[in-house]
Amino acid sequence: MWERFTARAGRSAPTALDPLLRREIRRSFNAASHDEEHFPSTIDPRILHVQVLLKFFGNLTDKSVLDVGCGKGRFARVLLEENSGVKVSGLDISEEMLACVPAGIYRVAGMMTELPFAASAFDCVYATESLEHAVEIDRAVAEMCRVLKPGGKLVIIDKNAEHWGRFKTPAWERWFERRELEKLLERDCSSVRSEFLSYWEDVAPDGLFLVWFAQK
């Protein structure tokens, strides 16, 4: 059985998503669904993690959006509230997390590495602090690009590997170097860039969070 939490010192995260590890990740997030303090259902729409999505995606009227690893749908909720006519889908490994997703968002249980959608199904795709749990990172990024329409936009927000060790993390979790994800996205996307990200507009980034922007 995988340890619930581990420090990074002297270890590498697993790279294969075998059935045992899938069950452990699902069990972990099903349990976390009851922890509203650390896994909240809502998010302040002023936080830059939300604002970068709204700004980069632009007007989403009559467009289809996929939240990959949506948790309780806190980001999807804002996109739905801010855009009339948008079609938002939320995918998560945890059925209990999905049970907290608000009405109006199409909920799908599944894996980031095996997205149950047709190719070119979405105008916009995003993953906010969820790719770090995908284990098979290369495959998960490829899947997000696969379901994105030509010309569609993709955003990944996650933690910087240079700051690993600031928090306790599950044994499977990975953080990323800036160029690492740029290279993966460049395989399928014509435009890729990244930048450091803070929570608030008036607070300078401390290097913990990165945001990757891509267009297919």
N, C-alpha and C. Protein backbone atom coordinates (compact mmCIF):
# COMPACT_ATOMS: atom_id res chain seq x y z
N MET A 1 0.85 -1.19 0.00
CA MET A 1 0.00 0.00 0.00
C MET A 1 0.88 1.24 0.00
N TRP A 2 0.50 2.23 -0.83
CA TRP A 2 1.27 3.47 -0.87
C TRP A 2 1.08 4.24 0.43
N GLU A 3 2.15 4.88 0.89
CA GLU A 3 2.03 5.72 2.07
C GLU A 3 1.14 6.91 1.77
N ARG A 4 0.40 7.34 2.77
CA ARG A 4 -0.51 8.47 2.60
C ARG A 4 0.25 9.75 2.30
N PHE A 5 1.31 10.01 3.05
CA PHE A 5 2.11 11.20 2.81
C PHE A 5 3.58 10.82 2.89
N THR A 6 4.41 11.62 2.23
CA THR A 6 5.85 11.37 2.26
C THR A 6 6.60 12.66 2.02
N ALA A 7 7.81 12.75 2.51
CA ALA A 7 8.69 13.86 2.15
C ALA A 7 9.45 13.46 0.90
N ARG A 8 9.92 14.43 0.13
CA ARG A 8 10.56 14.11 -1.13
C ARG A 8 11.97 13.57 -0.95
N ALA A 9 12.62 13.94 0.14
CA ALA A 9 14.03 13.62 0.30
C ALA A 9 14.30 12.15 0.00
N GLY A 10 15.15 11.91 -1.01
CA GLY A 10 15.59 10.55 -1.29
C GLY A 10 14.59 9.70 -2.02
N ARG A 11 13.52 10.26 -2.58
CA ARG A 11 12.56 9.40 -3.26
C ARG A 11 12.08 10.04 -4.55
N SER A 12 11.57 9.20 -5.44
CA SER A 12 10.98 9.67 -6.67
C SER A 12 9.53 9.21 -6.70
N ALA A 13 8.66 10.03 -7.26
CA ALA A 13 7.25 9.66 -7.36
C ALA A 13 7.11 8.51 -8.36
N PRO A 14 6.10 7.65 -8.18
CA PRO A 14 5.87 6.57 -9.15
C PRO A 14 5.54 7.14 -10.51
N THR A 15 5.87 6.40 -11.57
CA THR A 15 5.61 6.85 -12.93
C THR A 15 4.59 5.99 -13.65
N ALA A 16 4.15 4.90 -13.04
CA ALA A 16 3.16 4.01 -13.64
C ALA A 16 1.89 4.01 -12.81
N LEU A 17 0.76 4.20 -13.47
CA LEU A 17 -0.52 4.28 -12.77
C LEU A 17 -1.19 2.91 -12.78
N ASP A 18 -0.68 2.01 -11.92
CA ASP A 18 -1.23 0.65 -11.87
C ASP A 18 -2.54 0.64 -11.08
N PRO A 19 -3.31 -0.45 -11.16
CA PRO A 19 -4.62 -0.50 -10.49
C PRO A 19 -4.56 -0.21 -9.00
N LEU A 20 -3.52 -0.68 -8.30
CA LEU A 20 -3.40 -0.44 -6.87
C LEU A 20 -3.27 1.06 -6.59
N LEU A 21 -2.45 1.73 -7.36
CA LEU A 21 -2.25 3.15 -7.16
C LEU A 21 -3.51 3.94 -7.53
N ARG A 22 -4.20 3.53 -8.56
CA ARG A 22 -5.47 4.18 -8.93
C ARG A 22 -6.45 4.12 -7.78
N ARG A 23 -6.56 2.96 -7.16
CA ARG A 23 -7.49 2.81 -6.04
C ARG A 23 -7.09 3.68 -4.87
N GLU A 24 -5.78 3.77 -4.61
CA GLU A 24 -5.31 4.58 -3.49
C GLU A 24 -5.57 6.06 -3.73
N ILE A 25 -5.35 6.53 -4.94
CA ILE A 25 -5.60 7.94 -5.26
C ILE A 25 -7.10 8.23 -5.13
N ARG A 26 -7.93 7.34 -5.67
CA ARG A 26 -9.38 7.55 -5.59
C ARG A 26 -9.83 7.54 -4.13
N ARG A 27 -9.32 6.61 -3.35
CA ARG A 27 -9.69 6.54 -1.93
C ARG A 27 -9.29 7.82 -1.20
N SER A 28 -8.10 8.31 -1.50
CA SER A 28 -7.60 9.51 -0.85
C SER A 28 -8.50 10.71 -1.13
N PHE A 29 -8.90 10.88 -2.38
CA PHE A 29 -9.72 12.05 -2.72
C PHE A 29 -11.18 11.86 -2.30
N ASN A 30 -11.66 10.64 -2.25
CA ASN A 30 -12.99 10.43 -1.69
C ASN A 30 -13.01 10.86 -0.23
N ALA A 31 -11.96 10.51 0.51
CA ALA A 31 -11.86 10.93 1.91
C ALA A 31 -11.72 12.44 2.02
N ALA A 32 -10.94 13.04 1.13
CA ALA A 32 -10.71 14.48 1.16
C ALA A 32 -11.96 15.29 0.85
N SER A 33 -12.92 14.67 0.19
CA SER A 33 -14.15 15.38 -0.17
C SER A 33 -14.90 15.87 1.06
N HIS A 34 -14.63 15.26 2.22
CA HIS A 34 -15.30 15.65 3.47
C HIS A 34 -14.54 16.76 4.21
N ASP A 35 -13.40 17.17 3.66
CA ASP A 35 -12.57 18.19 4.29
C ASP A 35 -12.78 19.52 3.56
N GLU A 36 -13.77 20.27 4.00
CA GLU A 36 -14.10 21.52 3.32
C GLU A 36 -13.04 22.60 3.56
N GLU A 37 -12.31 22.50 4.64
CA GLU A 37 -11.28 23.51 4.92
C GLU A 37 -10.16 23.47 3.89
N HIS A 38 -9.66 22.28 3.59
CA HIS A 38 -8.53 22.15 2.68
C HIS A 38 -8.95 21.83 1.24
N PHE A 39 -10.18 21.40 1.07
CA PHE A 39 -10.71 21.11 -0.27
C PHE A 39 -12.07 21.80 -0.40
N PRO A 40 -12.06 23.13 -0.50
CA PRO A 40 -13.32 23.88 -0.48
C PRO A 40 -14.13 23.74 -1.75
N SER A 41 -15.42 24.02 -1.63
CA SER A 41 -16.34 23.94 -2.76
C SER A 41 -16.35 25.21 -3.60
N THR A 42 -15.86 26.31 -3.02
CA THR A 42 -15.90 27.60 -3.72
C THR A 42 -14.52 28.24 -3.68
N ILE A 43 -14.32 29.24 -4.55
CA ILE A 43 -13.08 29.98 -4.58
C ILE A 43 -13.41 31.44 -4.85
N ASP A 44 -12.65 32.33 -4.26
CA ASP A 44 -12.84 33.76 -4.48
C ASP A 44 -12.51 34.08 -5.94
N PRO A 45 -13.44 34.59 -6.72
CA PRO A 45 -13.19 34.83 -8.14
C PRO A 45 -12.13 35.89 -8.41
N ARG A 46 -11.73 36.65 -7.37
CA ARG A 46 -10.68 37.66 -7.55
C ARG A 46 -9.28 37.05 -7.56
N ILE A 47 -9.14 35.82 -7.08
CA ILE A 47 -7.84 35.16 -7.04
C ILE A 47 -7.31 34.99 -8.46
N LEU A 48 -6.02 35.24 -8.64
CA LEU A 48 -5.44 35.23 -9.98
C LEU A 48 -5.52 33.86 -10.64
N HIS A 49 -5.57 32.79 -9.86
CA HIS A 49 -5.74 31.46 -10.45
C HIS A 49 -7.04 31.39 -11.26
N VAL A 50 -8.04 32.13 -10.81
CA VAL A 50 -9.31 32.21 -11.55
C VAL A 50 -9.21 33.23 -12.67
N GLN A 51 -8.64 34.37 -12.37
CA GLN A 51 -8.60 35.47 -13.33
C GLN A 51 -7.82 35.13 -14.59
N VAL A 52 -6.73 34.35 -14.45
CA VAL A 52 -5.97 34.00 -15.66
C VAL A 52 -6.79 33.12 -16.60
N LEU A 53 -7.64 32.29 -16.05
CA LEU A 53 -8.52 31.47 -16.89
C LEU A 53 -9.52 32.35 -17.63
N LEU A 54 -10.18 33.23 -16.89
CA LEU A 54 -11.19 34.09 -17.50
C LEU A 54 -10.58 34.99 -18.58
N LYS A 55 -9.39 35.53 -18.31
CA LYS A 55 -8.76 36.43 -19.26
C LYS A 55 -8.28 35.69 -20.50
N PHE A 56 -7.62 34.55 -20.32
CA PHE A 56 -7.05 33.82 -21.47
C PHE A 56 -8.14 33.20 -22.33
N PHE A 57 -9.17 32.66 -21.71
CA PHE A 57 -10.25 32.03 -22.48
C PHE A 57 -11.15 33.05 -23.16
N GLY A 58 -11.34 34.21 -22.54
CA GLY A 58 -12.19 35.24 -23.12
C GLY A 58 -13.66 34.85 -23.06
N ASN A 59 -14.43 35.35 -23.99
CA ASN A 59 -15.88 35.10 -24.04
C ASN A 59 -16.14 33.62 -24.33
N LEU A 60 -16.84 32.97 -23.42
CA LEU A 60 -17.09 31.53 -23.56
C LEU A 60 -18.54 31.22 -23.93
N THR A 61 -19.29 32.20 -24.35
CA THR A 61 -20.68 31.97 -24.74
C THR A 61 -20.75 30.91 -25.83
N ASP A 62 -21.58 29.90 -25.59
CA ASP A 62 -21.81 28.80 -26.53
C ASP A 62 -20.56 27.96 -26.80
N LYS A 63 -19.57 28.04 -25.92
CA LYS A 63 -18.37 27.23 -26.08
C LYS A 63 -18.35 26.11 -25.04
N SER A 64 -17.55 25.09 -25.32
CA SER A 64 -17.45 23.93 -24.42
C SER A 64 -16.10 23.96 -23.71
N VAL A 65 -16.15 23.74 -22.38
CA VAL A 65 -14.96 23.83 -21.54
C VAL A 65 -14.86 22.57 -20.69
N LEU A 66 -13.63 22.06 -20.54
CA LEU A 66 -13.39 20.89 -19.70
C LEU A 66 -12.45 21.26 -18.55
N ASP A 67 -12.89 20.98 -17.33
CA ASP A 67 -12.09 21.12 -16.12
C ASP A 67 -11.55 19.73 -15.78
N VAL A 68 -10.26 19.52 -15.96
CA VAL A 68 -9.64 18.21 -15.78
C VAL A 68 -9.12 18.09 -14.35
N GLY A 69 -9.74 17.19 -13.58
CA GLY A 69 -9.43 17.10 -12.15
C GLY A 69 -10.15 18.19 -11.40
N CYS A 70 -11.44 18.27 -11.60
CA CYS A 70 -12.24 19.42 -11.15
C CYS A 70 -12.48 19.46 -9.66
N GLY A 71 -12.27 18.34 -8.94
CA GLY A 71 -12.59 18.33 -7.52
C GLY A 71 -14.07 18.62 -7.30
N LYS A 72 -14.37 19.59 -6.45
CA LYS A 72 -15.76 19.96 -6.16
C LYS A 72 -16.31 21.00 -7.14
N GLY A 73 -15.51 21.33 -8.16
CA GLY A 73 -16.00 22.24 -9.20
C GLY A 73 -15.91 23.70 -8.86
N ARG A 74 -14.97 24.08 -8.00
CA ARG A 74 -14.92 25.49 -7.57
C ARG A 74 -14.53 26.43 -8.71
N PHE A 75 -13.63 26.00 -9.59
CA PHE A 75 -13.28 26.84 -10.74
C PHE A 75 -14.39 26.80 -11.79
N ALA A 76 -14.90 25.62 -12.04
CA ALA A 76 -15.98 25.46 -13.03
C ALA A 76 -17.19 26.30 -12.65
N ARG A 77 -17.46 26.40 -11.36
CA ARG A 77 -18.58 27.19 -10.87
C ARG A 77 -18.45 28.65 -11.30
N VAL A 78 -17.23 29.20 -11.17
CA VAL A 78 -17.01 30.60 -11.55
C VAL A 78 -17.16 30.79 -13.06
N LEU A 79 -16.59 29.88 -13.84
CA LEU A 79 -16.72 30.00 -15.29
C LEU A 79 -18.17 29.96 -15.72
N LEU A 80 -18.96 29.12 -15.06
CA LEU A 80 -20.37 29.02 -15.38
C LEU A 80 -21.11 30.30 -15.01
N GLU A 81 -20.77 30.87 -13.87
CA GLU A 81 -21.43 32.11 -13.42
C GLU A 81 -21.05 33.31 -14.27
N GLU A 82 -19.84 33.31 -14.80
CA GLU A 82 -19.32 34.47 -15.53
C GLU A 82 -19.63 34.44 -17.02
N ASN A 83 -20.10 33.31 -17.54
CA ASN A 83 -20.29 33.17 -18.99
C ASN A 83 -21.65 32.56 -19.30
N SER A 84 -22.54 33.36 -19.82
CA SER A 84 -23.86 32.87 -20.21
C SER A 84 -23.75 31.93 -21.40
N GLY A 85 -24.35 30.77 -21.28
CA GLY A 85 -24.39 29.84 -22.41
C GLY A 85 -23.20 28.92 -22.52
N VAL A 86 -22.22 29.04 -21.62
CA VAL A 86 -21.07 28.15 -21.67
C VAL A 86 -21.47 26.74 -21.25
N LYS A 87 -20.83 25.74 -21.85
CA LYS A 87 -21.06 24.34 -21.51
C LYS A 87 -19.81 23.84 -20.80
N VAL A 88 -19.92 23.61 -19.49
CA VAL A 88 -18.77 23.22 -18.68
C VAL A 88 -18.90 21.77 -18.25
N SER A 89 -17.83 21.00 -18.48
CA SER A 89 -17.75 19.62 -18.01
C SER A 89 -16.65 19.52 -16.97
N GLY A 90 -16.88 18.73 -15.93
CA GLY A 90 -15.88 18.53 -14.90
C GLY A 90 -15.57 17.05 -14.75
N LEU A 91 -14.30 16.71 -14.88
CA LEU A 91 -13.87 15.31 -14.73
C LEU A 91 -13.04 15.17 -13.47
N ASP A 92 -13.30 14.08 -12.73
CA ASP A 92 -12.50 13.82 -11.54
C ASP A 92 -12.49 12.32 -11.26
N ILE A 93 -11.43 11.87 -10.60
CA ILE A 93 -11.31 10.46 -10.24
C ILE A 93 -12.23 10.08 -9.08
N SER A 94 -12.64 11.08 -8.29
CA SER A 94 -13.40 10.85 -7.07
C SER A 94 -14.89 11.09 -7.28
N GLU A 95 -15.68 10.07 -7.13
CA GLU A 95 -17.12 10.21 -7.24
C GLU A 95 -17.68 11.09 -6.13
N GLU A 96 -17.05 11.04 -4.96
CA GLU A 96 -17.53 11.85 -3.83
C GLU A 96 -17.20 13.32 -4.01
N MET A 97 -16.09 13.63 -4.66
CA MET A 97 -15.82 15.01 -5.02
C MET A 97 -16.86 15.49 -6.03
N LEU A 98 -17.13 14.68 -7.04
CA LEU A 98 -18.08 15.05 -8.08
C LEU A 98 -19.48 15.28 -7.53
N ALA A 99 -19.82 14.59 -6.44
CA ALA A 99 -21.15 14.77 -5.85
C ALA A 99 -21.34 16.18 -5.32
N CYS A 100 -20.23 16.90 -5.09
CA CYS A 100 -20.30 18.28 -4.59
C CYS A 100 -20.32 19.32 -5.70
N VAL A 101 -20.13 18.89 -6.94
CA VAL A 101 -20.11 19.82 -8.08
C VAL A 101 -21.52 20.39 -8.29
N PRO A 102 -21.65 21.70 -8.45
CA PRO A 102 -22.99 22.30 -8.55
C PRO A 102 -23.73 21.93 -9.83
N ALA A 103 -25.03 22.09 -9.78
CA ALA A 103 -25.87 21.84 -10.95
C ALA A 103 -25.47 22.76 -12.09
N GLY A 104 -25.66 22.26 -13.30
CA GLY A 104 -25.31 23.04 -14.48
C GLY A 104 -23.98 22.65 -15.07
N ILE A 105 -23.19 21.88 -14.31
CA ILE A 105 -21.89 21.39 -14.77
C ILE A 105 -22.02 19.89 -15.02
N TYR A 106 -21.63 19.44 -16.21
CA TYR A 106 -21.70 18.03 -16.57
C TYR A 106 -20.57 17.29 -15.85
N ARG A 107 -20.92 16.33 -15.01
CA ARG A 107 -19.95 15.63 -14.18
C ARG A 107 -19.59 14.28 -14.77
N VAL A 108 -18.28 14.00 -14.81
CA VAL A 108 -17.78 12.76 -15.39
C VAL A 108 -16.71 12.17 -14.48
N ALA A 109 -16.88 10.92 -14.08
CA ALA A 109 -15.86 10.22 -13.31
C ALA A 109 -14.88 9.58 -14.28
N GLY A 110 -13.59 9.82 -14.07
CA GLY A 110 -12.61 9.25 -14.97
C GLY A 110 -11.20 9.66 -14.61
N MET A 111 -10.25 9.20 -15.43
CA MET A 111 -8.84 9.45 -15.21
C MET A 111 -8.33 10.51 -16.18
N MET A 112 -7.39 11.32 -15.71
CA MET A 112 -6.78 12.32 -16.57
C MET A 112 -6.01 11.68 -17.72
N THR A 113 -5.56 10.47 -17.52
CA THR A 113 -4.77 9.77 -18.53
C THR A 113 -5.63 9.03 -19.55
N GLU A 114 -6.94 9.00 -19.32
CA GLU A 114 -7.86 8.30 -20.22
C GLU A 114 -9.15 9.12 -20.30
N LEU A 115 -9.08 10.31 -20.85
CA LEU A 115 -10.25 11.18 -20.89
C LEU A 115 -11.35 10.57 -21.76
N PRO A 116 -12.55 10.38 -21.20
CA PRO A 116 -13.63 9.71 -21.92
C PRO A 116 -14.40 10.65 -22.85
N PHE A 117 -13.66 11.32 -23.72
CA PHE A 117 -14.25 12.27 -24.65
C PHE A 117 -13.62 12.08 -26.02
N ALA A 118 -14.37 12.47 -27.05
CA ALA A 118 -13.87 12.37 -28.41
C ALA A 118 -12.77 13.40 -28.65
N ALA A 119 -11.95 13.16 -29.64
CA ALA A 119 -10.93 14.13 -30.03
C ALA A 119 -11.61 15.43 -30.47
N SER A 120 -10.96 16.54 -30.16
CA SER A 120 -11.44 17.88 -30.56
C SER A 120 -12.83 18.19 -30.03
N ALA A 121 -13.13 17.75 -28.81
CA ALA A 121 -14.47 17.92 -28.23
C ALA A 121 -14.65 19.27 -27.54
N PHE A 122 -13.54 19.95 -27.17
CA PHE A 122 -13.67 21.15 -26.34
C PHE A 122 -12.95 22.35 -26.93
N ASP A 123 -13.55 23.52 -26.70
CA ASP A 123 -12.92 24.78 -27.11
C ASP A 123 -11.81 25.18 -26.14
N CYS A 124 -11.99 24.85 -24.88
CA CYS A 124 -11.02 25.21 -23.84
C CYS A 124 -10.89 24.06 -22.84
N VAL A 125 -9.67 23.85 -22.37
CA VAL A 125 -9.39 22.81 -21.37
C VAL A 125 -8.46 23.41 -20.32
N TYR A 126 -8.68 23.06 -19.05
CA TYR A 126 -7.75 23.53 -18.01
C TYR A 126 -7.62 22.50 -16.90
N ALA A 127 -6.47 22.58 -16.22
CA ALA A 127 -6.19 21.72 -15.08
C ALA A 127 -5.53 22.56 -14.01
N THR A 128 -6.18 22.74 -12.88
CA THR A 128 -5.67 23.57 -11.79
C THR A 128 -5.25 22.69 -10.62
N GLU A 129 -3.97 22.59 -10.40
CA GLU A 129 -3.38 21.78 -9.33
C GLU A 129 -3.92 20.35 -9.35
N SER A 130 -4.10 19.82 -10.53
CA SER A 130 -4.56 18.44 -10.66
C SER A 130 -3.57 17.58 -11.45
N LEU A 131 -2.85 18.18 -12.38
CA LEU A 131 -1.87 17.40 -13.15
C LEU A 131 -0.84 16.76 -12.23
N GLU A 132 -0.56 17.40 -11.11
CA GLU A 132 0.42 16.87 -10.16
C GLU A 132 0.03 15.50 -9.61
N HIS A 133 -1.24 15.13 -9.77
CA HIS A 133 -1.73 13.83 -9.28
C HIS A 133 -1.90 12.80 -10.40
N ALA A 134 -1.55 13.15 -11.62
CA ALA A 134 -1.84 12.27 -12.77
C ALA A 134 -0.90 11.08 -12.87
N VAL A 135 0.27 11.15 -12.25
CA VAL A 135 1.30 10.10 -12.25
C VAL A 135 1.93 9.96 -13.64
N GLU A 136 1.14 9.55 -14.63
CA GLU A 136 1.64 9.43 -16.00
C GLU A 136 1.46 10.79 -16.69
N ILE A 137 2.35 11.70 -16.39
CA ILE A 137 2.21 13.10 -16.78
C ILE A 137 2.18 13.27 -18.29
N ASP A 138 3.10 12.62 -18.97
CA ASP A 138 3.17 12.72 -20.43
C ASP A 138 1.83 12.33 -21.06
N ARG A 139 1.26 11.26 -20.58
CA ARG A 139 -0.01 10.77 -21.13
C ARG A 139 -1.16 11.72 -20.83
N ALA A 140 -1.18 12.29 -19.63
CA ALA A 140 -2.25 13.20 -19.25
C ALA A 140 -2.22 14.47 -20.09
N VAL A 141 -1.04 15.02 -20.32
CA VAL A 141 -0.92 16.22 -21.16
C VAL A 141 -1.36 15.91 -22.58
N ALA A 142 -0.96 14.75 -23.10
CA ALA A 142 -1.36 14.36 -24.44
C ALA A 142 -2.88 14.23 -24.55
N GLU A 143 -3.52 13.71 -23.52
CA GLU A 143 -4.96 13.56 -23.52
C GLU A 143 -5.67 14.91 -23.52
N MET A 144 -5.16 15.85 -22.74
CA MET A 144 -5.77 17.18 -22.73
C MET A 144 -5.66 17.84 -24.10
N CYS A 145 -4.54 17.66 -24.75
CA CYS A 145 -4.36 18.21 -26.10
C CYS A 145 -5.25 17.49 -27.11
N ARG A 146 -5.43 16.20 -26.94
CA ARG A 146 -6.25 15.42 -27.87
C ARG A 146 -7.69 15.89 -27.90
N VAL A 147 -8.26 16.18 -26.74
CA VAL A 147 -9.68 16.55 -26.68
C VAL A 147 -9.90 18.03 -26.98
N LEU A 148 -8.83 18.77 -27.20
CA LEU A 148 -8.92 20.20 -27.51
C LEU A 148 -9.07 20.42 -29.02
N LYS A 149 -9.98 21.29 -29.39
CA LYS A 149 -10.19 21.59 -30.81
C LYS A 149 -8.98 22.33 -31.38
N PRO A 150 -8.73 22.23 -32.69
CA PRO A 150 -7.72 23.07 -33.32
C PRO A 150 -8.03 24.55 -33.06
N GLY A 151 -7.05 25.29 -32.62
CA GLY A 151 -7.27 26.69 -32.25
C GLY A 151 -7.74 26.86 -30.82
N GLY A 152 -8.06 25.76 -30.14
CA GLY A 152 -8.53 25.82 -28.77
C GLY A 152 -7.43 26.18 -27.79
N LYS A 153 -7.84 26.57 -26.57
CA LYS A 153 -6.90 27.07 -25.57
C LYS A 153 -6.83 26.13 -24.37
N LEU A 154 -5.62 26.00 -23.83
CA LEU A 154 -5.35 25.10 -22.72
C LEU A 154 -4.55 25.84 -21.65
N VAL A 155 -4.95 25.67 -20.38
CA VAL A 155 -4.24 26.26 -19.25
C VAL A 155 -3.95 25.18 -18.21
N ILE A 156 -2.72 25.16 -17.73
CA ILE A 156 -2.33 24.29 -16.62
C ILE A 156 -1.76 25.18 -15.52
N ILE A 157 -2.30 25.08 -14.32
CA ILE A 157 -1.77 25.78 -13.15
C ILE A 157 -1.30 24.73 -12.16
N ASP A 158 -0.02 24.82 -11.80
CA ASP A 158 0.50 23.83 -10.86
C ASP A 158 1.73 24.36 -10.15
N LYS A 159 2.34 23.51 -9.34
CA LYS A 159 3.42 23.95 -8.47
C LYS A 159 4.79 23.74 -9.11
N ASN A 160 5.70 24.61 -8.72
CA ASN A 160 7.06 24.67 -9.24
C ASN A 160 7.94 23.66 -8.51
N ALA A 161 8.61 22.79 -9.26
CA ALA A 161 9.47 21.75 -8.66
C ALA A 161 10.59 22.35 -7.82
N GLU A 162 10.99 23.57 -8.13
CA GLU A 162 12.06 24.21 -7.36
C GLU A 162 11.65 24.49 -5.91
N HIS A 163 10.34 24.45 -5.64
CA HIS A 163 9.85 24.71 -4.29
C HIS A 163 9.36 23.43 -3.60
N TRP A 164 9.72 22.29 -4.17
CA TRP A 164 9.29 21.03 -3.56
C TRP A 164 9.79 20.94 -2.12
N GLY A 165 8.94 20.43 -1.25
CA GLY A 165 9.29 20.28 0.15
C GLY A 165 8.60 21.28 1.06
N ARG A 166 7.90 22.27 0.46
CA ARG A 166 7.21 23.26 1.29
C ARG A 166 6.00 22.66 2.00
N PHE A 167 5.44 21.59 1.42
CA PHE A 167 4.27 20.94 2.02
C PHE A 167 4.47 19.44 2.04
N LYS A 168 3.75 18.78 2.91
CA LYS A 168 3.65 17.32 2.82
C LYS A 168 2.80 16.99 1.59
N THR A 169 3.17 15.92 0.91
CA THR A 169 2.47 15.55 -0.31
C THR A 169 2.23 14.04 -0.36
N PRO A 170 1.20 13.62 -1.09
CA PRO A 170 1.00 12.18 -1.29
C PRO A 170 2.19 11.57 -2.03
N ALA A 171 2.40 10.30 -1.88
CA ALA A 171 3.57 9.63 -2.45
C ALA A 171 3.61 9.72 -3.97
N TRP A 172 2.46 9.86 -4.60
CA TRP A 172 2.41 9.89 -6.07
C TRP A 172 2.58 11.29 -6.66
N GLU A 173 2.52 12.32 -5.84
CA GLU A 173 2.45 13.68 -6.37
C GLU A 173 3.77 14.14 -6.98
N ARG A 174 3.68 14.93 -8.07
CA ARG A 174 4.85 15.51 -8.72
C ARG A 174 4.62 17.00 -8.95
N TRP A 175 5.68 17.79 -8.79
CA TRP A 175 5.65 19.18 -9.20
C TRP A 175 6.53 19.32 -10.43
N PHE A 176 6.47 20.48 -11.10
CA PHE A 176 7.04 20.56 -12.44
C PHE A 176 8.03 21.70 -12.63
N GLU A 177 9.03 21.42 -13.44
CA GLU A 177 9.90 22.48 -13.91
C GLU A 177 9.20 23.21 -15.06
N ARG A 178 9.49 24.46 -15.18
CA ARG A 178 8.82 25.30 -16.17
C ARG A 178 8.95 24.74 -17.59
N ARG A 179 10.18 24.42 -17.97
CA ARG A 179 10.43 23.95 -19.34
C ARG A 179 9.89 22.54 -19.57
N GLU A 180 9.77 21.76 -18.51
CA GLU A 180 9.28 20.38 -18.63
C GLU A 180 7.89 20.33 -19.28
N LEU A 181 6.97 21.12 -18.77
CA LEU A 181 5.62 21.10 -19.32
C LEU A 181 5.55 21.84 -20.65
N GLU A 182 6.38 22.86 -20.81
CA GLU A 182 6.40 23.55 -22.11
C GLU A 182 6.72 22.56 -23.22
N LYS A 183 7.70 21.70 -23.00
CA LYS A 183 8.10 20.73 -24.01
C LYS A 183 6.96 19.76 -24.32
N LEU A 184 6.25 19.30 -23.30
CA LEU A 184 5.14 18.38 -23.53
C LEU A 184 4.02 19.05 -24.33
N LEU A 185 3.73 20.29 -24.00
CA LEU A 185 2.67 21.01 -24.70
C LEU A 185 3.06 21.34 -26.13
N GLU A 186 4.33 21.58 -26.37
CA GLU A 186 4.79 21.96 -27.71
C GLU A 186 4.63 20.83 -28.73
N ARG A 187 4.46 19.61 -28.28
CA ARG A 187 4.24 18.50 -29.21
C ARG A 187 2.95 18.66 -29.99
N ASP A 188 1.93 19.26 -29.35
CA ASP A 188 0.61 19.34 -29.98
C ASP A 188 0.09 20.76 -30.15
N CYS A 189 0.76 21.72 -29.56
CA CYS A 189 0.25 23.10 -29.56
C CYS A 189 1.19 24.02 -30.34
N SER A 190 0.61 24.97 -31.04
CA SER A 190 1.39 25.89 -31.86
C SER A 190 1.96 27.05 -31.06
N SER A 191 1.35 27.34 -29.92
CA SER A 191 1.78 28.47 -29.09
C SER A 191 1.80 28.02 -27.64
N VAL A 192 2.94 28.19 -26.97
CA VAL A 192 3.10 27.77 -25.57
C VAL A 192 3.92 28.82 -24.83
N ARG A 193 3.47 29.20 -23.64
CA ARG A 193 4.25 30.09 -22.79
C ARG A 193 3.91 29.80 -21.33
N SER A 194 4.74 30.29 -20.44
CA SER A 194 4.49 30.08 -19.01
C SER A 194 4.95 31.30 -18.24
N GLU A 195 4.44 31.43 -17.02
CA GLU A 195 4.84 32.53 -16.15
C GLU A 195 4.56 32.16 -14.70
N PHE A 196 5.22 32.87 -13.79
CA PHE A 196 4.96 32.66 -12.37
C PHE A 196 3.62 33.30 -12.00
N LEU A 197 3.00 32.75 -10.97
CA LEU A 197 1.64 33.17 -10.62
C LEU A 197 1.51 33.36 -9.12
N SER A 198 0.89 34.45 -8.74
CA SER A 198 0.56 34.72 -7.34
C SER A 198 -0.93 34.47 -7.13
N TYR A 199 -1.38 34.57 -5.89
CA TYR A 199 -2.81 34.49 -5.63
C TYR A 199 -3.50 35.83 -5.87
N TRP A 200 -2.79 36.92 -5.52
CA TRP A 200 -3.43 38.23 -5.56
C TRP A 200 -2.65 39.18 -6.46
N GLU A 201 -3.36 40.08 -7.10
CA GLU A 201 -2.77 41.00 -8.07
C GLU A 201 -1.72 41.91 -7.44
N ASP A 202 -1.92 42.28 -6.18
CA ASP A 202 -0.99 43.21 -5.53
C ASP A 202 0.11 42.50 -4.73
N VAL A 203 0.24 41.19 -4.91
CA VAL A 203 1.29 40.42 -4.24
C VAL A 203 2.17 39.76 -5.30
N ALA A 204 3.47 40.01 -5.24
CA ALA A 204 4.39 39.45 -6.23
C ALA A 204 4.47 37.93 -6.09
N PRO A 205 4.60 37.19 -7.20
CA PRO A 205 4.74 35.73 -7.12
C PRO A 205 5.97 35.35 -6.31
N ASP A 206 5.85 34.31 -5.50
CA ASP A 206 6.99 33.84 -4.72
C ASP A 206 7.66 32.63 -5.36
N GLY A 207 7.18 32.24 -6.54
CA GLY A 207 7.79 31.14 -7.26
C GLY A 207 7.13 29.80 -7.06
N LEU A 208 6.18 29.70 -6.14
CA LEU A 208 5.53 28.40 -5.87
C LEU A 208 4.67 27.94 -7.03
N PHE A 209 3.88 28.87 -7.60
CA PHE A 209 2.94 28.49 -8.65
C PHE A 209 3.40 28.96 -10.03
N LEU A 210 3.15 28.12 -11.01
CA LEU A 210 3.37 28.44 -12.40
C LEU A 210 2.08 28.23 -13.18
N VAL A 211 1.92 29.01 -14.24
CA VAL A 211 0.79 28.81 -15.14
C VAL A 211 1.35 28.65 -16.55
N TRP A 212 0.87 27.62 -17.23
CA TRP A 212 1.25 27.35 -18.61
C TRP A 212 0.04 27.64 -19.51
N PHE A 213 0.27 28.45 -20.55
CA PHE A 213 -0.77 28.77 -21.51
C PHE A 213 -0.40 28.12 -22.85
N ALA A 214 -1.38 27.52 -23.51
CA ALA A 214 -1.12 26.90 -24.81
C ALA A 214 -2.33 27.06 -25.71
N GLN A 215 -2.06 27.10 -27.01
CA GLN A 215 -3.12 27.12 -28.01
C GLN A 215 -2.79 26.08 -29.07
N LYS A 216 -3.75 25.27 -29.38
CA LYS A 216 -3.54 24.17 -30.32
C LYS A 216 -3.51 24.67 -31.77
